[in-house]
Amino acid sequence: MAKRKNSTADDNDLSSEDAHPQFGISIQELEKLMQTRGHESIKELKEIHGGLSGIEQKLKTNLITGLSGKEIDLSTRIATFGRNEIPQKSPLTFLC
């Protein structure tokens, strides 16, 4: 999971008002979308975010080609959403 800003107790009341001005979606909205499963997630994706094309537009990306790769774009995304990396787990020791 990506390193991210800490969520608050008000995350249940999410709106695009909290979104970064350059992107039409907040990190809290992305987290909620990723945590929602099944029919509820499809409904939310379509109704709130305009489907995949809506997310594509909000994140200023392309479903086929991905991100531009420009340094300024990447640094803005990292500053806004955090790094997209999975934290390494500590290796198990022989004497658990």
Protein backbone atom coordinates (compact mmCIF):
# COMPACT_ATOMS: atom_id res chain seq x y z
CA MET A 1 0.00 0.00 0.00
CA ALA A 2 1.20 3.51 -0.70
CA LYS A 3 2.69 5.68 2.01
CA ARG A 4 0.07 8.31 2.62
CA LYS A 5 -1.13 11.10 4.81
CA ASN A 6 -3.00 10.01 7.93
CA SER A 7 -6.76 9.80 7.62
CA THR A 8 -9.06 11.65 9.99
CA ALA A 9 -12.28 10.71 11.71
CA ASP A 10 -14.18 12.86 9.20
CA ASP A 11 -13.28 10.56 6.30
CA ASN A 12 -16.86 9.27 6.19
CA ASP A 13 -17.93 12.69 4.88
CA LEU A 14 -15.81 12.74 1.74
CA SER A 15 -16.25 15.13 -1.12
CA SER A 16 -14.26 16.44 -4.04
CA GLU A 17 -13.99 19.72 -2.12
CA ASP A 18 -11.05 18.10 -0.30
CA ALA A 19 -9.41 17.21 -3.59
CA HIS A 20 -6.08 18.68 -4.64
CA PRO A 21 -6.76 21.62 -7.00
CA GLN A 22 -4.83 19.94 -9.81
CA PHE A 23 -6.61 16.61 -9.33
CA GLY A 24 -10.36 16.18 -8.94
CA ILE A 25 -10.12 13.60 -6.18
CA SER A 26 -8.66 13.46 -2.68
CA ILE A 27 -6.48 10.75 -1.20
CA GLN A 28 -9.30 9.95 1.23
CA GLU A 29 -11.70 9.38 -1.69
CA LEU A 30 -9.17 7.09 -3.37
CA GLU A 31 -8.69 5.14 -0.12
CA LYS A 32 -12.45 4.71 0.29
CA LEU A 33 -12.83 3.62 -3.32
CA MET A 34 -10.06 1.02 -2.90
CA GLN A 35 -11.56 -0.32 0.34
CA THR A 36 -15.11 -0.64 -1.00
CA ARG A 37 -15.93 -4.01 -2.57
CA GLY A 38 -18.59 -5.62 -4.74
CA HIS A 39 -21.63 -3.91 -6.23
CA GLU A 40 -21.26 -0.99 -3.84
CA SER A 41 -17.85 -0.11 -5.28
CA ILE A 42 -19.13 -0.26 -8.87
CA LYS A 43 -22.10 1.94 -7.95
CA GLU A 44 -19.84 4.47 -6.20
CA LEU A 45 -17.36 4.45 -9.06
CA LYS A 46 -20.10 5.22 -11.59
CA GLU A 47 -22.28 7.61 -9.59
CA ILE A 48 -19.68 9.63 -7.70
CA HIS A 49 -16.64 9.48 -9.94
CA GLY A 50 -18.09 9.06 -13.44
CA GLY A 51 -16.75 5.54 -13.95
CA LEU A 52 -13.23 4.69 -15.05
CA SER A 53 -13.12 7.58 -17.49
CA GLY A 54 -14.04 9.95 -14.64
CA ILE A 55 -11.19 8.63 -12.48
CA GLU A 56 -8.89 8.84 -15.50
CA GLN A 57 -9.77 12.51 -15.99
CA LYS A 58 -9.56 13.37 -12.28
CA LEU A 59 -6.11 11.79 -11.97
CA LYS A 60 -4.98 13.28 -15.28
CA THR A 61 -3.74 9.98 -16.60
CA ASN A 62 -4.47 7.67 -19.52
CA LEU A 63 -5.86 4.16 -19.14
CA ILE A 64 -3.76 2.98 -22.10
CA THR A 65 -0.46 4.85 -21.78
CA GLY A 66 -0.43 5.66 -18.05
CA LEU A 67 1.41 8.66 -16.60
CA SER A 68 3.46 11.09 -18.65
CA GLY A 69 6.66 10.35 -16.73
CA LYS A 70 7.59 14.05 -16.56
CA GLU A 71 9.48 14.86 -13.36
CA ILE A 72 7.24 17.80 -12.42
CA ASP A 73 4.13 15.63 -12.84
CA LEU A 74 5.58 12.80 -10.75
CA SER A 75 6.77 15.12 -7.97
CA THR A 76 3.31 16.75 -7.80
CA ARG A 77 1.68 13.32 -7.54
CA ILE A 78 4.08 12.19 -4.81
CA ALA A 79 3.48 15.42 -2.86
CA THR A 80 -0.29 15.00 -3.22
CA PHE A 81 -0.83 11.26 -2.84
CA GLY A 82 2.43 9.95 -1.37
CA ARG A 83 4.75 7.31 -2.78
CA ASN A 84 3.18 4.23 -4.31
CA GLU A 85 5.29 1.58 -2.66
CA ILE A 86 4.63 -1.42 -0.50
CA PRO A 87 6.46 -1.26 2.84
CA GLN A 88 8.90 -4.11 3.28
CA LYS A 89 8.02 -6.61 5.96
CA SER A 90 10.65 -7.50 8.49
CA PRO A 91 12.10 -10.92 7.69
CA LEU A 92 11.12 -13.73 10.01
CA THR A 93 13.92 -14.78 12.27
CA PHE A 94 14.86 -18.36 12.86
CA LEU A 95 13.88 -18.02 16.52
CA CYS A 96 10.37 -16.57 16.29
